[in-house]
N, C-alpha and C. Protein backbone atom coordinates (compact mmCIF):
# COMPACT_ATOMS: atom_id res chain seq x y z
N MET A 1 -1.56 -3.76 -5.58
CA MET A 1 -1.09 -5.05 -5.14
C MET A 1 0.10 -4.86 -4.20
N VAL A 2 0.18 -5.72 -3.22
CA VAL A 2 1.32 -5.74 -2.30
C VAL A 2 2.34 -6.72 -2.88
N ALA A 3 3.60 -6.31 -2.93
CA ALA A 3 4.63 -7.14 -3.55
C ALA A 3 5.92 -7.04 -2.77
N ARG A 4 6.83 -7.92 -3.10
CA ARG A 4 8.15 -7.93 -2.48
C ARG A 4 9.19 -7.59 -3.54
N SER A 5 10.06 -6.65 -3.23
CA SER A 5 11.15 -6.33 -4.14
C SER A 5 12.30 -7.30 -3.89
N SER A 6 13.34 -7.18 -4.68
CA SER A 6 14.51 -8.04 -4.52
C SER A 6 15.28 -7.72 -3.24
N VAL A 7 14.99 -6.58 -2.61
CA VAL A 7 15.70 -6.19 -1.38
C VAL A 7 14.82 -6.34 -0.15
N ALA A 8 13.61 -6.87 -0.31
CA ALA A 8 12.72 -7.05 0.83
C ALA A 8 13.32 -8.05 1.81
N THR A 9 13.08 -7.81 3.08
CA THR A 9 13.61 -8.72 4.10
C THR A 9 12.48 -9.60 4.63
N ASP A 10 11.93 -9.26 5.77
CA ASP A 10 10.91 -10.12 6.36
C ASP A 10 9.49 -9.70 6.02
N ALA A 11 9.31 -8.62 5.31
CA ALA A 11 7.95 -8.14 4.99
C ALA A 11 7.92 -7.61 3.56
N SER A 12 6.75 -7.70 2.96
CA SER A 12 6.56 -7.10 1.64
C SER A 12 6.85 -5.60 1.74
N ASP A 13 7.49 -5.06 0.73
CA ASP A 13 7.93 -3.66 0.82
C ASP A 13 7.43 -2.78 -0.31
N LEU A 14 6.57 -3.31 -1.18
CA LEU A 14 6.06 -2.52 -2.29
C LEU A 14 4.54 -2.56 -2.34
N ILE A 15 3.95 -1.41 -2.65
CA ILE A 15 2.56 -1.37 -3.07
C ILE A 15 2.56 -0.75 -4.47
N VAL A 16 1.94 -1.45 -5.40
CA VAL A 16 1.82 -0.96 -6.77
C VAL A 16 0.32 -0.80 -7.02
N PHE A 17 -0.10 0.41 -7.34
CA PHE A 17 -1.53 0.64 -7.51
C PHE A 17 -1.80 1.59 -8.67
N ALA A 18 -3.00 1.48 -9.21
CA ALA A 18 -3.34 2.23 -10.41
C ALA A 18 -4.39 3.29 -10.12
N LEU A 19 -4.29 4.39 -10.83
CA LEU A 19 -5.27 5.47 -10.77
C LEU A 19 -5.69 5.82 -12.19
N PRO A 20 -6.98 5.98 -12.46
CA PRO A 20 -7.44 6.30 -13.82
C PRO A 20 -7.32 7.80 -14.13
N ILE A 21 -6.18 8.36 -13.80
CA ILE A 21 -5.92 9.80 -14.00
C ILE A 21 -4.45 9.97 -14.39
N ASP A 22 -4.10 11.18 -14.78
CA ASP A 22 -2.72 11.52 -15.13
C ASP A 22 -2.07 12.13 -13.88
N PHE A 23 -1.55 11.28 -13.03
CA PHE A 23 -1.09 11.71 -11.70
C PHE A 23 0.42 11.90 -11.67
N HIS A 24 0.84 13.09 -11.19
CA HIS A 24 2.26 13.39 -11.09
C HIS A 24 2.66 13.85 -9.69
N GLY A 25 1.79 13.68 -8.72
CA GLY A 25 2.09 14.11 -7.37
C GLY A 25 1.14 15.19 -6.90
N TYR A 26 1.40 15.62 -5.67
CA TYR A 26 0.52 16.61 -5.04
C TYR A 26 1.13 18.01 -5.15
N TYR A 27 0.35 18.92 -5.65
CA TYR A 27 0.73 20.33 -5.76
C TYR A 27 -0.56 21.11 -5.94
N PRO A 28 -0.56 22.42 -5.74
CA PRO A 28 -1.80 23.19 -5.92
C PRO A 28 -2.37 22.99 -7.33
N GLY A 29 -3.59 22.53 -7.41
CA GLY A 29 -4.23 22.31 -8.70
C GLY A 29 -3.99 20.92 -9.29
N TYR A 30 -3.36 20.02 -8.52
CA TYR A 30 -3.04 18.71 -9.09
C TYR A 30 -4.28 17.93 -9.51
N SER A 31 -5.38 18.05 -8.76
CA SER A 31 -6.57 17.26 -9.08
C SER A 31 -7.20 17.71 -10.40
N THR A 32 -7.17 19.00 -10.66
CA THR A 32 -7.69 19.50 -11.93
C THR A 32 -6.83 19.01 -13.08
N ASP A 33 -5.52 19.11 -12.93
CA ASP A 33 -4.60 18.65 -13.97
C ASP A 33 -4.74 17.14 -14.20
N ALA A 34 -4.89 16.38 -13.10
CA ALA A 34 -4.95 14.93 -13.20
C ALA A 34 -6.16 14.46 -13.98
N ALA A 35 -7.26 15.19 -13.89
CA ALA A 35 -8.50 14.78 -14.56
C ALA A 35 -8.63 15.36 -15.96
N GLU A 36 -7.65 16.13 -16.40
CA GLU A 36 -7.75 16.78 -17.71
C GLU A 36 -7.75 15.76 -18.84
N HIS A 37 -6.96 14.70 -18.70
CA HIS A 37 -6.88 13.67 -19.74
C HIS A 37 -7.71 12.47 -19.32
N HIS A 38 -8.63 12.04 -20.17
CA HIS A 38 -9.52 10.93 -19.84
C HIS A 38 -9.05 9.61 -20.44
N ASN A 39 -7.87 9.60 -20.99
CA ASN A 39 -7.36 8.38 -21.61
C ASN A 39 -5.99 7.99 -21.04
N ARG A 40 -5.76 8.32 -19.80
CA ARG A 40 -4.46 8.01 -19.19
C ARG A 40 -4.63 7.21 -17.92
N LEU A 41 -3.67 6.35 -17.67
CA LEU A 41 -3.64 5.50 -16.49
C LEU A 41 -2.30 5.69 -15.80
N SER A 42 -2.34 5.95 -14.52
CA SER A 42 -1.11 6.08 -13.74
C SER A 42 -0.95 4.86 -12.86
N ILE A 43 0.21 4.22 -12.94
CA ILE A 43 0.51 3.10 -12.06
C ILE A 43 1.65 3.57 -11.15
N LEU A 44 1.37 3.61 -9.87
CA LEU A 44 2.29 4.19 -8.90
C LEU A 44 2.99 3.11 -8.10
N VAL A 45 4.22 3.40 -7.74
CA VAL A 45 5.03 2.48 -6.95
C VAL A 45 5.34 3.14 -5.62
N LEU A 46 4.94 2.48 -4.56
CA LEU A 46 5.22 2.97 -3.21
C LEU A 46 6.18 2.00 -2.54
N LYS A 47 7.34 2.50 -2.13
CA LYS A 47 8.34 1.67 -1.45
C LYS A 47 8.20 1.87 0.05
N GLY A 48 7.88 0.81 0.75
CA GLY A 48 7.78 0.86 2.19
C GLY A 48 9.03 0.30 2.85
N HIS A 49 9.10 0.44 4.15
CA HIS A 49 10.21 -0.10 4.95
C HIS A 49 11.56 0.37 4.41
N THR A 50 11.65 1.66 4.16
CA THR A 50 12.88 2.22 3.61
C THR A 50 14.00 2.21 4.64
N LYS A 51 15.24 2.21 4.15
CA LYS A 51 16.41 2.14 5.02
C LYS A 51 16.99 3.52 5.35
N ASN A 52 16.89 4.43 4.38
CA ASN A 52 17.52 5.74 4.53
C ASN A 52 16.85 6.55 5.63
N ARG A 53 17.63 7.02 6.57
CA ARG A 53 17.10 7.82 7.69
C ARG A 53 17.80 9.18 7.78
N ALA A 54 18.33 9.66 6.67
CA ALA A 54 19.18 10.84 6.72
C ALA A 54 18.46 12.16 6.51
N GLY A 55 17.14 12.14 6.37
CA GLY A 55 16.40 13.38 6.15
C GLY A 55 16.53 14.35 7.32
N ARG A 56 16.34 15.61 7.02
CA ARG A 56 16.48 16.66 8.04
C ARG A 56 15.34 17.66 7.93
N VAL A 57 14.92 18.17 9.07
CA VAL A 57 13.98 19.28 9.13
C VAL A 57 14.65 20.39 9.94
N THR A 58 14.79 21.55 9.35
CA THR A 58 15.44 22.67 10.04
C THR A 58 14.55 23.91 9.93
N LEU A 59 14.70 24.80 10.88
CA LEU A 59 13.93 26.04 10.88
C LEU A 59 14.53 27.01 9.87
N ARG A 60 13.67 27.71 9.15
CA ARG A 60 14.13 28.73 8.20
C ARG A 60 14.52 30.02 8.92
N SER A 61 13.80 30.31 10.00
CA SER A 61 14.02 31.55 10.72
C SER A 61 13.42 31.43 12.11
N ALA A 62 13.48 32.50 12.86
CA ALA A 62 12.86 32.53 14.18
C ALA A 62 11.37 32.83 14.11
N ASN A 63 10.87 33.10 12.91
CA ASN A 63 9.45 33.40 12.71
C ASN A 63 8.67 32.08 12.71
N PRO A 64 7.77 31.86 13.67
CA PRO A 64 7.06 30.57 13.73
C PRO A 64 6.11 30.34 12.57
N THR A 65 5.79 31.38 11.79
CA THR A 65 4.89 31.19 10.65
C THR A 65 5.64 30.76 9.39
N ASP A 66 6.96 30.83 9.39
CA ASP A 66 7.73 30.37 8.23
C ASP A 66 7.73 28.85 8.20
N PRO A 67 7.42 28.25 7.06
CA PRO A 67 7.45 26.78 7.00
C PRO A 67 8.88 26.29 7.16
N PRO A 68 9.07 25.14 7.76
CA PRO A 68 10.43 24.62 7.94
C PRO A 68 11.04 24.18 6.61
N GLU A 69 12.33 24.06 6.61
CA GLU A 69 13.06 23.53 5.46
C GLU A 69 13.13 22.02 5.62
N ILE A 70 12.54 21.28 4.68
CA ILE A 70 12.51 19.82 4.76
C ILE A 70 13.35 19.24 3.62
N SER A 71 14.34 18.46 3.98
CA SER A 71 15.17 17.78 2.99
C SER A 71 15.11 16.29 3.26
N PHE A 72 14.54 15.54 2.33
CA PHE A 72 14.41 14.10 2.53
C PHE A 72 15.76 13.38 2.35
N ARG A 73 16.65 13.98 1.58
CA ARG A 73 17.98 13.41 1.34
C ARG A 73 17.87 11.97 0.85
N TYR A 74 17.12 11.80 -0.20
CA TYR A 74 16.93 10.48 -0.79
C TYR A 74 18.22 9.94 -1.40
N PHE A 75 18.31 8.63 -1.44
CA PHE A 75 19.28 7.91 -2.22
C PHE A 75 20.72 8.37 -1.95
N GLU A 76 21.46 8.81 -2.94
CA GLU A 76 22.89 9.08 -2.73
C GLU A 76 23.14 10.24 -1.78
N GLU A 77 22.14 11.09 -1.57
CA GLU A 77 22.31 12.20 -0.63
C GLU A 77 22.20 11.74 0.81
N GLY A 78 21.65 10.54 1.00
CA GLY A 78 21.35 10.10 2.35
C GLY A 78 22.42 9.23 2.97
N ASP A 79 22.00 8.40 3.90
CA ASP A 79 22.96 7.56 4.61
C ASP A 79 22.85 6.12 4.11
N ALA A 80 23.45 5.21 4.84
CA ALA A 80 23.49 3.81 4.42
C ALA A 80 22.08 3.27 4.21
N GLY A 81 21.92 2.45 3.19
CA GLY A 81 20.63 1.85 2.89
C GLY A 81 19.96 2.43 1.67
N TRP A 82 20.44 3.55 1.15
CA TRP A 82 19.78 4.16 0.00
C TRP A 82 19.85 3.26 -1.23
N GLN A 83 20.92 2.44 -1.33
CA GLN A 83 21.03 1.56 -2.50
C GLN A 83 19.88 0.57 -2.55
N GLU A 84 19.53 0.01 -1.38
CA GLU A 84 18.41 -0.93 -1.33
C GLU A 84 17.10 -0.23 -1.65
N ASP A 85 16.92 0.97 -1.13
CA ASP A 85 15.70 1.72 -1.42
C ASP A 85 15.56 1.97 -2.92
N LEU A 86 16.63 2.37 -3.55
CA LEU A 86 16.62 2.64 -4.98
C LEU A 86 16.32 1.37 -5.78
N ALA A 87 16.97 0.28 -5.42
CA ALA A 87 16.75 -1.00 -6.12
C ALA A 87 15.30 -1.44 -5.99
N GLY A 88 14.71 -1.23 -4.82
CA GLY A 88 13.32 -1.61 -4.60
C GLY A 88 12.36 -0.84 -5.48
N VAL A 89 12.60 0.46 -5.66
CA VAL A 89 11.73 1.25 -6.52
C VAL A 89 11.87 0.81 -7.97
N VAL A 90 13.08 0.53 -8.40
CA VAL A 90 13.29 0.05 -9.77
C VAL A 90 12.56 -1.28 -9.97
N ASP A 91 12.61 -2.16 -8.98
CA ASP A 91 11.84 -3.41 -9.06
C ASP A 91 10.36 -3.12 -9.20
N GLY A 92 9.88 -2.10 -8.50
CA GLY A 92 8.47 -1.73 -8.60
C GLY A 92 8.08 -1.28 -10.00
N ILE A 93 8.97 -0.57 -10.67
CA ILE A 93 8.71 -0.16 -12.05
C ILE A 93 8.57 -1.38 -12.95
N ALA A 94 9.42 -2.38 -12.73
CA ALA A 94 9.33 -3.62 -13.52
C ALA A 94 7.98 -4.30 -13.29
N ILE A 95 7.50 -4.30 -12.06
CA ILE A 95 6.19 -4.89 -11.76
C ILE A 95 5.08 -4.11 -12.45
N ALA A 96 5.17 -2.78 -12.39
CA ALA A 96 4.16 -1.93 -13.05
C ALA A 96 4.13 -2.19 -14.55
N ARG A 97 5.30 -2.34 -15.15
CA ARG A 97 5.35 -2.62 -16.59
C ARG A 97 4.76 -3.99 -16.91
N ALA A 98 5.00 -4.96 -16.04
CA ALA A 98 4.42 -6.29 -16.26
C ALA A 98 2.90 -6.25 -16.20
N ILE A 99 2.37 -5.40 -15.33
CA ILE A 99 0.91 -5.24 -15.25
C ILE A 99 0.38 -4.65 -16.55
N VAL A 100 1.03 -3.63 -17.05
CA VAL A 100 0.57 -2.95 -18.27
C VAL A 100 0.61 -3.91 -19.46
N GLU A 101 1.58 -4.79 -19.51
CA GLU A 101 1.68 -5.74 -20.61
C GLU A 101 0.44 -6.65 -20.70
N ARG A 102 -0.28 -6.77 -19.61
CA ARG A 102 -1.46 -7.64 -19.58
C ARG A 102 -2.77 -6.85 -19.74
N LEU A 103 -2.64 -5.61 -20.18
CA LEU A 103 -3.83 -4.75 -20.32
C LEU A 103 -4.20 -4.49 -21.78
N GLU A 104 -4.07 -5.51 -22.62
CA GLU A 104 -4.37 -5.29 -24.04
C GLU A 104 -5.79 -4.77 -24.24
N LEU A 105 -6.74 -5.29 -23.48
CA LEU A 105 -8.14 -4.87 -23.65
C LEU A 105 -8.35 -3.40 -23.30
N ALA A 106 -7.46 -2.86 -22.46
CA ALA A 106 -7.59 -1.44 -22.10
C ALA A 106 -7.06 -0.53 -23.19
N GLY A 107 -6.40 -1.09 -24.16
CA GLY A 107 -5.91 -0.30 -25.29
C GLY A 107 -4.73 0.59 -24.96
N VAL A 108 -3.86 0.14 -24.05
CA VAL A 108 -2.67 0.94 -23.72
C VAL A 108 -1.77 0.98 -24.94
N THR A 109 -1.41 2.18 -25.37
CA THR A 109 -0.62 2.32 -26.59
C THR A 109 0.84 2.66 -26.33
N ARG A 110 1.12 3.41 -25.28
CA ARG A 110 2.52 3.74 -25.01
C ARG A 110 2.70 4.18 -23.57
N GLU A 111 3.93 4.10 -23.13
CA GLU A 111 4.31 4.50 -21.78
C GLU A 111 4.87 5.92 -21.82
N LEU A 112 4.25 6.82 -21.07
CA LEU A 112 4.71 8.20 -21.06
C LEU A 112 5.88 8.40 -20.11
N LEU A 113 5.77 7.86 -18.90
CA LEU A 113 6.84 7.97 -17.90
C LEU A 113 7.05 6.62 -17.23
N PRO A 114 8.27 6.17 -17.04
CA PRO A 114 9.51 6.83 -17.46
C PRO A 114 9.77 6.78 -18.95
N GLY A 115 9.00 6.02 -19.71
CA GLY A 115 9.18 5.94 -21.16
C GLY A 115 9.90 4.67 -21.55
N SER A 116 9.50 4.09 -22.66
CA SER A 116 10.07 2.81 -23.09
C SER A 116 11.54 2.89 -23.43
N SER A 117 12.06 4.09 -23.69
CA SER A 117 13.49 4.23 -24.01
C SER A 117 14.37 3.93 -22.80
N LEU A 118 13.80 4.00 -21.60
CA LEU A 118 14.55 3.66 -20.39
C LEU A 118 14.27 2.19 -20.08
N ALA A 119 15.19 1.35 -20.50
CA ALA A 119 14.94 -0.09 -20.40
C ALA A 119 15.83 -0.79 -19.39
N ASP A 120 17.06 -0.35 -19.23
CA ASP A 120 17.97 -1.05 -18.32
C ASP A 120 17.87 -0.47 -16.91
N ARG A 121 18.32 -1.23 -15.93
CA ARG A 121 18.19 -0.83 -14.53
C ARG A 121 18.95 0.47 -14.23
N GLU A 122 20.08 0.66 -14.87
CA GLU A 122 20.86 1.87 -14.59
C GLU A 122 20.11 3.13 -15.01
N SER A 123 19.50 3.11 -16.19
CA SER A 123 18.77 4.29 -16.65
C SER A 123 17.50 4.49 -15.83
N LEU A 124 16.86 3.40 -15.43
CA LEU A 124 15.69 3.53 -14.57
C LEU A 124 16.08 4.08 -13.20
N ALA A 125 17.23 3.64 -12.69
CA ALA A 125 17.70 4.16 -11.40
C ALA A 125 17.96 5.66 -11.49
N SER A 126 18.52 6.10 -12.59
CA SER A 126 18.75 7.55 -12.77
C SER A 126 17.43 8.30 -12.81
N PHE A 127 16.43 7.73 -13.48
CA PHE A 127 15.11 8.35 -13.53
C PHE A 127 14.53 8.46 -12.12
N VAL A 128 14.62 7.39 -11.34
CA VAL A 128 14.08 7.39 -9.99
C VAL A 128 14.79 8.43 -9.14
N ARG A 129 16.12 8.50 -9.23
CA ARG A 129 16.87 9.49 -8.44
C ARG A 129 16.41 10.91 -8.76
N ASP A 130 16.12 11.16 -10.03
CA ASP A 130 15.74 12.51 -10.46
C ASP A 130 14.26 12.83 -10.19
N GLN A 131 13.39 11.80 -10.22
CA GLN A 131 11.96 12.07 -10.22
C GLN A 131 11.20 11.59 -8.99
N ALA A 132 11.75 10.67 -8.22
CA ALA A 132 11.00 10.11 -7.09
C ALA A 132 10.72 11.19 -6.04
N TRP A 133 9.60 11.04 -5.39
CA TRP A 133 9.22 11.98 -4.34
C TRP A 133 8.43 11.21 -3.29
N GLY A 134 8.31 11.80 -2.15
CA GLY A 134 7.54 11.19 -1.09
C GLY A 134 7.03 12.26 -0.15
N HIS A 135 5.98 11.93 0.58
CA HIS A 135 5.43 12.90 1.51
C HIS A 135 5.01 12.25 2.81
N HIS A 136 5.42 11.00 3.03
CA HIS A 136 5.06 10.31 4.26
C HIS A 136 6.19 10.45 5.27
N ALA A 137 6.58 11.67 5.52
CA ALA A 137 7.67 11.90 6.47
C ALA A 137 7.19 11.66 7.90
N CYS A 138 8.10 11.23 8.73
CA CYS A 138 7.75 11.06 10.14
C CYS A 138 9.03 11.00 10.96
N GLY A 139 8.86 10.99 12.28
CA GLY A 139 9.98 10.74 13.17
C GLY A 139 10.78 11.94 13.60
N THR A 140 10.38 13.15 13.25
CA THR A 140 11.17 14.32 13.63
C THR A 140 10.92 14.76 15.06
N ALA A 141 9.89 14.23 15.70
CA ALA A 141 9.59 14.55 17.11
C ALA A 141 9.17 13.26 17.82
N ARG A 142 10.02 12.27 17.71
CA ARG A 142 9.61 10.93 18.10
C ARG A 142 9.34 10.77 19.59
N VAL A 143 8.49 9.79 19.89
CA VAL A 143 8.13 9.47 21.25
C VAL A 143 9.27 8.70 21.92
N GLY A 144 9.47 8.97 23.20
CA GLY A 144 10.51 8.27 23.95
C GLY A 144 10.69 8.87 25.32
N SER A 145 11.53 8.25 26.10
CA SER A 145 11.76 8.73 27.47
C SER A 145 12.65 9.96 27.48
N ARG A 146 12.66 10.65 28.61
CA ARG A 146 13.51 11.84 28.74
C ARG A 146 14.99 11.50 28.57
N SER A 147 15.36 10.28 28.89
CA SER A 147 16.77 9.89 28.77
C SER A 147 17.20 9.68 27.32
N ASP A 148 16.24 9.59 26.43
CA ASP A 148 16.52 9.43 25.00
C ASP A 148 16.73 10.82 24.41
N ARG A 149 17.95 11.14 24.03
CA ARG A 149 18.27 12.50 23.55
C ARG A 149 17.53 12.84 22.26
N GLY A 150 17.10 11.83 21.51
CA GLY A 150 16.40 12.09 20.26
C GLY A 150 14.90 12.16 20.40
N ALA A 151 14.39 11.86 21.59
CA ALA A 151 12.93 11.87 21.80
C ALA A 151 12.45 13.27 22.13
N VAL A 152 11.24 13.58 21.67
CA VAL A 152 10.66 14.90 21.89
C VAL A 152 9.43 14.83 22.78
N VAL A 153 8.65 13.75 22.67
CA VAL A 153 7.43 13.62 23.45
C VAL A 153 7.46 12.33 24.28
N ASP A 154 6.67 12.33 25.37
CA ASP A 154 6.58 11.13 26.20
C ASP A 154 5.44 10.24 25.69
N GLY A 155 5.14 9.18 26.43
CA GLY A 155 4.11 8.24 26.03
C GLY A 155 2.71 8.82 25.99
N HIS A 156 2.52 9.98 26.59
CA HIS A 156 1.23 10.68 26.53
C HIS A 156 1.27 11.81 25.51
N LEU A 157 2.31 11.81 24.66
CA LEU A 157 2.48 12.77 23.57
C LEU A 157 2.73 14.19 24.07
N ARG A 158 3.18 14.32 25.33
CA ARG A 158 3.50 15.63 25.89
C ARG A 158 4.95 15.95 25.58
N VAL A 159 5.20 17.18 25.17
CA VAL A 159 6.55 17.60 24.83
C VAL A 159 7.39 17.67 26.10
N HIS A 160 8.53 17.00 26.08
CA HIS A 160 9.42 17.00 27.24
C HIS A 160 9.82 18.43 27.62
N GLY A 161 9.63 18.78 28.88
CA GLY A 161 10.09 20.07 29.38
C GLY A 161 9.18 21.24 29.07
N VAL A 162 8.02 20.99 28.46
CA VAL A 162 7.10 22.07 28.12
C VAL A 162 5.72 21.72 28.68
N ASP A 163 5.14 22.63 29.42
CA ASP A 163 3.81 22.39 29.99
C ASP A 163 2.71 22.63 28.95
N ALA A 164 1.69 21.79 29.01
CA ALA A 164 0.45 21.98 28.23
C ALA A 164 0.69 22.00 26.71
N LEU A 165 1.62 21.18 26.24
CA LEU A 165 1.86 21.09 24.80
C LEU A 165 2.05 19.63 24.41
N ARG A 166 1.26 19.20 23.45
CA ARG A 166 1.39 17.84 22.92
C ARG A 166 1.61 17.92 21.41
N ILE A 167 2.18 16.87 20.89
CA ILE A 167 2.31 16.73 19.44
C ILE A 167 1.52 15.49 19.04
N VAL A 168 0.59 15.68 18.12
CA VAL A 168 -0.24 14.57 17.66
C VAL A 168 -0.23 14.57 16.14
N ASP A 169 0.83 14.06 15.57
CA ASP A 169 0.92 13.91 14.12
C ASP A 169 2.00 12.86 13.82
N ALA A 170 2.31 12.69 12.56
CA ALA A 170 3.23 11.62 12.15
C ALA A 170 4.65 11.83 12.65
N SER A 171 4.97 13.02 13.12
CA SER A 171 6.33 13.26 13.58
C SER A 171 6.70 12.44 14.81
N VAL A 172 5.72 11.95 15.56
CA VAL A 172 6.04 11.22 16.79
C VAL A 172 6.41 9.76 16.53
N PHE A 173 6.15 9.24 15.33
CA PHE A 173 6.50 7.85 15.04
C PHE A 173 8.01 7.71 14.83
N PRO A 174 8.65 6.77 15.48
CA PRO A 174 10.09 6.57 15.24
C PRO A 174 10.38 6.09 13.82
N ASP A 175 9.48 5.31 13.26
CA ASP A 175 9.60 4.81 11.88
C ASP A 175 8.25 4.94 11.20
N ILE A 176 8.26 4.95 9.87
CA ILE A 176 7.00 5.02 9.14
C ILE A 176 6.24 3.72 9.38
N PRO A 177 5.04 3.79 9.96
CA PRO A 177 4.27 2.56 10.22
C PRO A 177 3.51 2.11 8.98
N GLY A 178 3.81 0.91 8.50
CA GLY A 178 3.09 0.37 7.35
C GLY A 178 3.38 1.13 6.07
N PHE A 179 2.41 1.16 5.18
CA PHE A 179 2.59 1.80 3.87
C PHE A 179 1.94 3.17 3.81
N PHE A 180 0.66 3.25 4.19
CA PHE A 180 -0.04 4.52 4.14
C PHE A 180 -0.17 5.05 5.56
N ILE A 181 0.51 6.11 5.85
CA ILE A 181 0.65 6.58 7.23
C ILE A 181 -0.64 7.20 7.77
N ALA A 182 -1.56 7.59 6.90
CA ALA A 182 -2.76 8.30 7.35
C ALA A 182 -3.55 7.49 8.37
N SER A 183 -3.72 6.19 8.13
CA SER A 183 -4.51 5.38 9.06
C SER A 183 -3.86 5.35 10.44
N SER A 184 -2.53 5.32 10.49
CA SER A 184 -1.83 5.33 11.78
C SER A 184 -2.01 6.67 12.48
N VAL A 185 -2.05 7.76 11.71
CA VAL A 185 -2.28 9.08 12.30
C VAL A 185 -3.70 9.16 12.87
N TYR A 186 -4.68 8.56 12.18
CA TYR A 186 -6.05 8.53 12.72
C TYR A 186 -6.07 7.81 14.07
N LEU A 187 -5.40 6.67 14.15
CA LEU A 187 -5.35 5.91 15.40
C LEU A 187 -4.65 6.70 16.49
N LEU A 188 -3.57 7.37 16.13
CA LEU A 188 -2.85 8.21 17.09
C LEU A 188 -3.75 9.31 17.62
N SER A 189 -4.54 9.91 16.74
CA SER A 189 -5.44 10.99 17.15
C SER A 189 -6.49 10.48 18.13
N GLU A 190 -7.02 9.29 17.86
CA GLU A 190 -7.99 8.70 18.79
C GLU A 190 -7.34 8.46 20.16
N ARG A 191 -6.12 7.96 20.14
CA ARG A 191 -5.41 7.71 21.40
C ARG A 191 -5.14 9.03 22.13
N ALA A 192 -4.75 10.05 21.40
CA ALA A 192 -4.50 11.35 22.01
C ALA A 192 -5.75 11.90 22.67
N SER A 193 -6.90 11.72 22.01
CA SER A 193 -8.17 12.18 22.60
C SER A 193 -8.41 11.51 23.94
N ASP A 194 -8.18 10.19 23.99
CA ASP A 194 -8.36 9.46 25.25
C ASP A 194 -7.41 9.98 26.32
N LEU A 195 -6.15 10.21 25.95
CA LEU A 195 -5.16 10.69 26.92
C LEU A 195 -5.51 12.07 27.46
N ILE A 196 -5.97 12.95 26.60
CA ILE A 196 -6.33 14.31 27.00
C ILE A 196 -7.52 14.26 27.96
N ILE A 197 -8.50 13.41 27.66
CA ILE A 197 -9.67 13.26 28.54
C ILE A 197 -9.24 12.71 29.90
N GLU A 198 -8.37 11.69 29.88
CA GLU A 198 -7.89 11.11 31.14
C GLU A 198 -7.17 12.15 31.99
N ASP A 199 -6.30 12.91 31.36
CA ASP A 199 -5.56 13.95 32.10
C ASP A 199 -6.50 15.02 32.65
N ALA A 200 -7.51 15.39 31.87
CA ALA A 200 -8.46 16.41 32.31
C ALA A 200 -9.28 15.93 33.50
N GLN A 201 -9.58 14.65 33.52
CA GLN A 201 -10.37 14.10 34.64
C GLN A 201 -9.57 14.04 35.93
N ARG A 202 -8.26 14.01 35.84
CA ARG A 202 -7.42 13.95 37.04
C ARG A 202 -7.30 15.32 37.69
N THR A 203 -7.54 16.39 36.95
CA THR A 203 -7.36 17.74 37.48
C THR A 203 -8.66 18.31 38.02
């Protein structure tokens, strides 16, 4: 369901959705682990339109095969706006709990995470700070003009100052578009295909 948290401005900022598996995030082997229990339901809270923009991506070394160091710098580690982001996720937990209260026929017996012992907003906020994660990063190579010091690619997704190199992934978006970024990346890929064909026809 699409919902509005107490910190939402002009657009709904929460998606709360259920999965009939024991889901704890993405990691090697997560799908096998998630399907191990056949009597668990995961209700997930996705906070969109976040305010915090303090994340960083830095190189680990000069070796191009080394994965970069990615720090999302959520909540108190980040910049202005983390308080609203945190409050929105806590609101999402309240919505998820309200959904579960109406599932008597499903035979829900207890809440595993965050657990019924965490009842007040402060304890839930601490849980979110410790446990929340995200993987919809974007904006580290954003599109823009050469005069924009933070821009990496132009409107044709070509890297400024580098010949024959384009970036076609979520890093070119200045902000996370919508809730699930994958569909926007698909559209970007289609656009990139058209641009590459157009450029090839000119040569």
